[in-house]
Amino acid sequence: MFIYSVKPNKSYSKKLLGFVWNKPVYALAIFVIELIALVLLVKNFAGFDFPLYGSATIQLPQSMLQNSTGSVAVVAVFEWPSYFATVVAGLCVAAKLYHRKVEVPTIPQSK
C-alpha cells in the first residue's frame, strides 16, 4: 500500500492495489471473528462469561474451585493497535474505491 500511495499513476499500481487492499480487511475480520468465537467457547465450555469490552465480576463455577466459591474482577479493552488496524482497513477500502476518481497532479519537467 505504501508503494501504491507514493506512485499511484504507474502501470503496476492497479495490480499492486488489487493484490494488497484486502489483506488488512481480512486480518481485521479474522481478529473480530476469533475474538467473538473465543468468548462463546469459554461461555459454553468453561461455564462463565467474560466481557468483550468493559469490566465485570466473574463468578467462577464451584467445579473449577473444588467446591469453594470465588470471583474475579476482569477488564477488557481495545487498545490503540486495534483502533489503528480498523483505520488502516478503512483507508485500504477507500483507496480501492477511489483509485480512479482521484487525479494525481504531475510535476512539470524543467527544460
N, C-alpha and C. Protein backbone atom coordinates (compact mmCIF):
# COMPACT_ATOMS: atom_id res chain seq x y z
N MET A 1 0.83 -1.19 0.00
CA MET A 1 0.00 0.00 0.00
C MET A 1 0.87 1.24 0.00
N PHE A 2 2.02 1.19 0.66
CA PHE A 2 2.89 2.36 0.69
C PHE A 2 3.42 2.67 -0.70
N ILE A 3 3.87 1.66 -1.42
CA ILE A 3 4.39 1.88 -2.78
C ILE A 3 3.27 2.40 -3.68
N TYR A 4 2.07 1.85 -3.54
CA TYR A 4 0.94 2.34 -4.33
C TYR A 4 0.65 3.80 -4.00
N SER A 5 0.69 4.18 -2.71
CA SER A 5 0.33 5.54 -2.34
C SER A 5 1.37 6.55 -2.82
N VAL A 6 2.63 6.12 -2.97
CA VAL A 6 3.66 7.02 -3.45
C VAL A 6 3.60 7.17 -4.97
N LYS A 7 3.30 6.09 -5.68
CA LYS A 7 3.29 6.09 -7.15
C LYS A 7 1.97 5.54 -7.70
N PRO A 8 0.83 6.24 -7.50
CA PRO A 8 -0.45 5.69 -7.95
C PRO A 8 -0.66 5.72 -9.46
N ASN A 9 0.15 6.47 -10.21
CA ASN A 9 -0.04 6.56 -11.66
C ASN A 9 0.82 5.60 -12.46
N LYS A 10 1.63 4.82 -11.81
CA LYS A 10 2.49 3.86 -12.52
C LYS A 10 1.65 2.71 -13.08
N SER A 11 2.22 2.02 -14.06
CA SER A 11 1.49 0.93 -14.71
C SER A 11 1.21 -0.23 -13.76
N TYR A 12 2.06 -0.47 -12.80
CA TYR A 12 1.90 -1.58 -11.87
C TYR A 12 1.03 -1.24 -10.67
N SER A 13 0.60 0.01 -10.54
CA SER A 13 -0.13 0.45 -9.35
C SER A 13 -1.48 -0.25 -9.19
N LYS A 14 -2.22 -0.39 -10.28
CA LYS A 14 -3.54 -1.02 -10.17
C LYS A 14 -3.41 -2.49 -9.77
N LYS A 15 -2.44 -3.17 -10.32
CA LYS A 15 -2.22 -4.58 -9.96
C LYS A 15 -1.79 -4.70 -8.50
N LEU A 16 -0.92 -3.81 -8.07
CA LEU A 16 -0.46 -3.81 -6.68
C LEU A 16 -1.61 -3.52 -5.72
N LEU A 17 -2.43 -2.54 -6.06
CA LEU A 17 -3.58 -2.21 -5.23
C LEU A 17 -4.56 -3.38 -5.17
N GLY A 18 -4.80 -4.03 -6.30
CA GLY A 18 -5.70 -5.17 -6.34
C GLY A 18 -5.23 -6.32 -5.47
N PHE A 19 -3.92 -6.49 -5.36
CA PHE A 19 -3.38 -7.56 -4.53
C PHE A 19 -3.40 -7.21 -3.05
N VAL A 20 -3.17 -5.95 -2.71
CA VAL A 20 -2.89 -5.57 -1.34
C VAL A 20 -4.08 -5.02 -0.55
N TRP A 21 -5.06 -4.43 -1.17
CA TRP A 21 -6.08 -3.68 -0.42
C TRP A 21 -6.88 -4.54 0.54
N ASN A 22 -7.08 -5.81 0.25
CA ASN A 22 -7.95 -6.64 1.08
C ASN A 22 -7.24 -7.36 2.22
N LYS A 23 -5.93 -7.33 2.28
CA LYS A 23 -5.21 -8.03 3.36
C LYS A 23 -5.51 -7.45 4.74
N PRO A 24 -5.46 -6.13 4.95
CA PRO A 24 -5.82 -5.61 6.28
C PRO A 24 -7.29 -5.84 6.63
N VAL A 25 -8.17 -5.82 5.62
CA VAL A 25 -9.59 -6.08 5.87
C VAL A 25 -9.79 -7.51 6.34
N TYR A 26 -9.12 -8.46 5.68
CA TYR A 26 -9.21 -9.86 6.10
C TYR A 26 -8.64 -10.06 7.50
N ALA A 27 -7.51 -9.43 7.79
CA ALA A 27 -6.88 -9.58 9.11
C ALA A 27 -7.81 -9.05 10.21
N LEU A 28 -8.44 -7.90 9.97
CA LEU A 28 -9.35 -7.34 10.95
C LEU A 28 -10.59 -8.22 11.12
N ALA A 29 -11.12 -8.73 10.01
CA ALA A 29 -12.30 -9.59 10.08
C ALA A 29 -11.98 -10.89 10.84
N ILE A 30 -10.84 -11.48 10.57
CA ILE A 30 -10.45 -12.71 11.27
C ILE A 30 -10.25 -12.44 12.76
N PHE A 31 -9.66 -11.30 13.11
CA PHE A 31 -9.48 -10.94 14.50
C PHE A 31 -10.81 -10.83 15.23
N VAL A 32 -11.77 -10.15 14.63
CA VAL A 32 -13.08 -9.96 15.26
C VAL A 32 -13.80 -11.30 15.39
N ILE A 33 -13.76 -12.13 14.36
CA ILE A 33 -14.42 -13.44 14.40
C ILE A 33 -13.79 -14.32 15.48
N GLU A 34 -12.46 -14.33 15.55
CA GLU A 34 -11.78 -15.14 16.58
C GLU A 34 -12.09 -14.65 17.98
N LEU A 35 -12.19 -13.34 18.15
CA LEU A 35 -12.50 -12.78 19.47
C LEU A 35 -13.90 -13.17 19.92
N ILE A 36 -14.86 -13.08 19.03
CA ILE A 36 -16.23 -13.48 19.36
C ILE A 36 -16.31 -14.99 19.60
N ALA A 37 -15.61 -15.76 18.78
CA ALA A 37 -15.61 -17.22 18.97
C ALA A 37 -14.97 -17.60 20.30
N LEU A 38 -13.93 -16.91 20.70
CA LEU A 38 -13.29 -17.19 21.99
C LEU A 38 -14.25 -16.93 23.15
N VAL A 39 -14.97 -15.83 23.10
CA VAL A 39 -15.94 -15.52 24.16
C VAL A 39 -17.03 -16.59 24.21
N LEU A 40 -17.53 -16.99 23.06
CA LEU A 40 -18.59 -18.00 23.03
C LEU A 40 -18.09 -19.37 23.50
N LEU A 41 -16.89 -19.75 23.10
CA LEU A 41 -16.35 -21.04 23.53
C LEU A 41 -16.11 -21.09 25.03
N VAL A 42 -15.58 -20.02 25.59
CA VAL A 42 -15.36 -20.00 27.04
C VAL A 42 -16.69 -20.06 27.76
N LYS A 43 -17.69 -19.35 27.24
CA LYS A 43 -19.01 -19.37 27.88
C LYS A 43 -19.62 -20.77 27.84
N ASN A 44 -19.49 -21.45 26.71
CA ASN A 44 -20.10 -22.77 26.56
C ASN A 44 -19.34 -23.87 27.30
N PHE A 45 -18.02 -23.85 27.26
CA PHE A 45 -17.24 -24.96 27.83
C PHE A 45 -16.79 -24.73 29.27
N ALA A 46 -16.46 -23.51 29.63
CA ALA A 46 -15.98 -23.25 30.99
C ALA A 46 -17.11 -22.85 31.93
N GLY A 47 -18.19 -22.36 31.39
CA GLY A 47 -19.34 -22.04 32.23
C GLY A 47 -19.38 -20.64 32.79
N PHE A 48 -18.50 -19.77 32.36
CA PHE A 48 -18.59 -18.38 32.82
C PHE A 48 -18.44 -17.45 31.62
N ASP A 49 -18.92 -16.25 31.79
CA ASP A 49 -18.97 -15.28 30.71
C ASP A 49 -18.10 -14.08 31.05
N PHE A 50 -17.11 -13.81 30.23
CA PHE A 50 -16.30 -12.61 30.44
C PHE A 50 -16.65 -11.59 29.37
N PRO A 51 -16.46 -10.31 29.66
CA PRO A 51 -16.91 -9.27 28.74
C PRO A 51 -16.02 -9.15 27.51
N LEU A 52 -16.64 -8.78 26.42
CA LEU A 52 -15.89 -8.49 25.20
C LEU A 52 -15.26 -7.11 25.30
N TYR A 53 -15.95 -6.20 25.98
CA TYR A 53 -15.44 -4.85 26.21
C TYR A 53 -16.06 -4.33 27.51
N GLY A 54 -15.26 -3.77 28.37
CA GLY A 54 -15.76 -3.24 29.63
C GLY A 54 -15.26 -4.06 30.81
N SER A 55 -15.90 -3.88 31.95
CA SER A 55 -15.48 -4.60 33.14
C SER A 55 -16.64 -5.42 33.69
N ALA A 56 -16.30 -6.47 34.40
CA ALA A 56 -17.31 -7.35 35.00
C ALA A 56 -16.65 -8.15 36.12
N THR A 57 -17.48 -8.69 36.97
CA THR A 57 -17.03 -9.62 38.00
C THR A 57 -17.51 -11.00 37.61
N ILE A 58 -16.58 -11.92 37.47
CA ILE A 58 -16.91 -13.28 37.05
C ILE A 58 -17.01 -14.16 38.28
N GLN A 59 -18.12 -14.84 38.41
CA GLN A 59 -18.32 -15.82 39.48
C GLN A 59 -17.88 -17.17 38.92
N LEU A 60 -16.80 -17.70 39.43
CA LEU A 60 -16.26 -18.96 38.93
C LEU A 60 -17.11 -20.13 39.41
N PRO A 61 -17.31 -21.15 38.56
CA PRO A 61 -18.09 -22.31 38.97
C PRO A 61 -17.39 -23.09 40.09
N GLN A 62 -18.18 -23.72 40.95
CA GLN A 62 -17.62 -24.48 42.06
C GLN A 62 -16.81 -25.69 41.59
N SER A 63 -17.13 -26.20 40.41
CA SER A 63 -16.38 -27.34 39.90
C SER A 63 -14.93 -26.98 39.59
N MET A 64 -14.67 -25.73 39.28
CA MET A 64 -13.30 -25.30 39.00
C MET A 64 -12.51 -25.06 40.28
N LEU A 65 -13.20 -24.76 41.36
CA LEU A 65 -12.53 -24.38 42.60
C LEU A 65 -12.63 -25.45 43.69
N GLN A 66 -12.97 -26.65 43.34
CA GLN A 66 -13.08 -27.78 44.27
C GLN A 66 -14.04 -27.46 45.41
N ASN A 67 -15.27 -27.13 45.03
CA ASN A 67 -16.40 -26.88 45.94
C ASN A 67 -16.22 -25.66 46.84
N SER A 68 -15.47 -24.69 46.43
CA SER A 68 -15.42 -23.42 47.14
C SER A 68 -15.91 -22.32 46.18
N THR A 69 -16.11 -21.14 46.68
CA THR A 69 -16.61 -20.06 45.83
C THR A 69 -15.52 -19.03 45.62
N GLY A 70 -15.63 -18.32 44.51
CA GLY A 70 -14.66 -17.27 44.21
C GLY A 70 -15.13 -16.42 43.06
N SER A 71 -14.67 -15.22 43.05
CA SER A 71 -14.99 -14.33 41.94
C SER A 71 -13.74 -13.56 41.54
N VAL A 72 -13.74 -13.14 40.29
CA VAL A 72 -12.60 -12.43 39.73
C VAL A 72 -13.11 -11.20 39.00
N ALA A 73 -12.49 -10.05 39.24
CA ALA A 73 -12.82 -8.84 38.51
C ALA A 73 -11.96 -8.79 37.25
N VAL A 74 -12.60 -8.64 36.10
CA VAL A 74 -11.87 -8.59 34.83
C VAL A 74 -12.24 -7.32 34.08
N VAL A 75 -11.29 -6.84 33.29
CA VAL A 75 -11.48 -5.67 32.45
C VAL A 75 -10.98 -6.01 31.05
N ALA A 76 -11.80 -5.76 30.05
CA ALA A 76 -11.41 -6.00 28.67
C ALA A 76 -11.55 -4.69 27.90
N VAL A 77 -10.46 -4.26 27.28
CA VAL A 77 -10.47 -3.03 26.49
C VAL A 77 -9.70 -3.26 25.19
N PHE A 78 -10.04 -2.49 24.20
CA PHE A 78 -9.27 -2.46 22.96
C PHE A 78 -8.28 -1.31 23.08
N GLU A 79 -7.03 -1.57 22.75
CA GLU A 79 -6.02 -0.53 22.82
C GLU A 79 -5.73 0.00 21.43
N TRP A 80 -4.79 0.91 21.34
CA TRP A 80 -4.56 1.63 20.10
C TRP A 80 -4.25 0.74 18.90
N PRO A 81 -3.58 -0.42 19.02
CA PRO A 81 -3.35 -1.23 17.82
C PRO A 81 -4.64 -1.71 17.15
N SER A 82 -5.66 -2.01 17.94
CA SER A 82 -6.92 -2.46 17.32
C SER A 82 -7.61 -1.30 16.61
N TYR A 83 -7.56 -0.11 17.18
CA TYR A 83 -8.13 1.06 16.50
C TYR A 83 -7.32 1.42 15.27
N PHE A 84 -6.02 1.30 15.36
CA PHE A 84 -5.15 1.57 14.22
C PHE A 84 -5.43 0.59 13.08
N ALA A 85 -5.63 -0.69 13.40
CA ALA A 85 -5.94 -1.69 12.38
C ALA A 85 -7.27 -1.38 11.71
N THR A 86 -8.24 -0.88 12.47
CA THR A 86 -9.53 -0.51 11.90
C THR A 86 -9.38 0.66 10.94
N VAL A 87 -8.59 1.64 11.31
CA VAL A 87 -8.36 2.80 10.43
C VAL A 87 -7.63 2.37 9.17
N VAL A 88 -6.62 1.52 9.30
CA VAL A 88 -5.87 1.05 8.14
C VAL A 88 -6.77 0.28 7.18
N ALA A 89 -7.61 -0.60 7.72
CA ALA A 89 -8.54 -1.35 6.87
C ALA A 89 -9.51 -0.40 6.15
N GLY A 90 -10.00 0.61 6.86
CA GLY A 90 -10.88 1.59 6.23
C GLY A 90 -10.18 2.38 5.14
N LEU A 91 -8.94 2.77 5.37
CA LEU A 91 -8.20 3.50 4.35
C LEU A 91 -7.89 2.63 3.13
N CYS A 92 -7.66 1.35 3.35
CA CYS A 92 -7.42 0.44 2.22
C CYS A 92 -8.67 0.29 1.37
N VAL A 93 -9.82 0.19 2.01
CA VAL A 93 -11.08 0.11 1.26
C VAL A 93 -11.32 1.42 0.51
N ALA A 94 -11.04 2.55 1.14
CA ALA A 94 -11.21 3.85 0.48
C ALA A 94 -10.27 3.98 -0.71
N ALA A 95 -9.03 3.50 -0.58
CA ALA A 95 -8.09 3.55 -1.70
C ALA A 95 -8.60 2.72 -2.87
N LYS A 96 -9.18 1.58 -2.58
CA LYS A 96 -9.72 0.74 -3.65
C LYS A 96 -10.90 1.41 -4.33
N LEU A 97 -11.78 2.03 -3.54
CA LEU A 97 -12.97 2.66 -4.12
C LEU A 97 -12.65 3.92 -4.92
N TYR A 98 -11.68 4.69 -4.46
CA TYR A 98 -11.39 5.98 -5.08
C TYR A 98 -10.15 5.98 -5.95
N HIS A 99 -9.69 4.82 -6.38
CA HIS A 99 -8.47 4.74 -7.18
C HIS A 99 -8.58 5.56 -8.46
N ARG A 100 -9.66 5.44 -9.19
CA ARG A 100 -9.81 6.15 -10.46
C ARG A 100 -10.44 7.53 -10.32
N LYS A 101 -11.04 7.81 -9.17
CA LYS A 101 -11.74 9.08 -9.01
C LYS A 101 -10.82 10.23 -8.65
N VAL A 102 -9.68 9.93 -8.10
CA VAL A 102 -8.75 10.98 -7.68
C VAL A 102 -7.66 11.10 -8.73
N GLU A 103 -7.50 12.31 -9.25
CA GLU A 103 -6.46 12.55 -10.24
C GLU A 103 -5.24 13.10 -9.52
N VAL A 104 -4.12 12.44 -9.73
CA VAL A 104 -2.88 12.84 -9.07
C VAL A 104 -2.18 13.85 -9.96
N PRO A 105 -1.87 15.05 -9.43
CA PRO A 105 -1.19 16.04 -10.26
C PRO A 105 0.24 15.62 -10.57
N THR A 106 0.69 15.97 -11.74
CA THR A 106 2.07 15.65 -12.13
C THR A 106 2.90 16.91 -12.06
N ILE A 107 4.16 16.75 -11.76
CA ILE A 107 5.09 17.87 -11.70
C ILE A 107 5.64 18.11 -13.09
N PRO A 108 5.55 19.36 -13.59
CA PRO A 108 6.08 19.62 -14.94
C PRO A 108 7.60 19.46 -14.98
N GLN A 109 8.08 18.94 -16.08
CA GLN A 109 9.51 18.74 -16.28
C GLN A 109 10.15 20.09 -16.63
N SER A 110 11.28 20.37 -16.02
CA SER A 110 12.01 21.59 -16.39
C SER A 110 12.89 21.32 -17.60
N LYS A 111 13.13 22.37 -18.40
CA LYS A 111 13.92 22.19 -19.63
C LYS A 111 15.36 22.46 -19.42
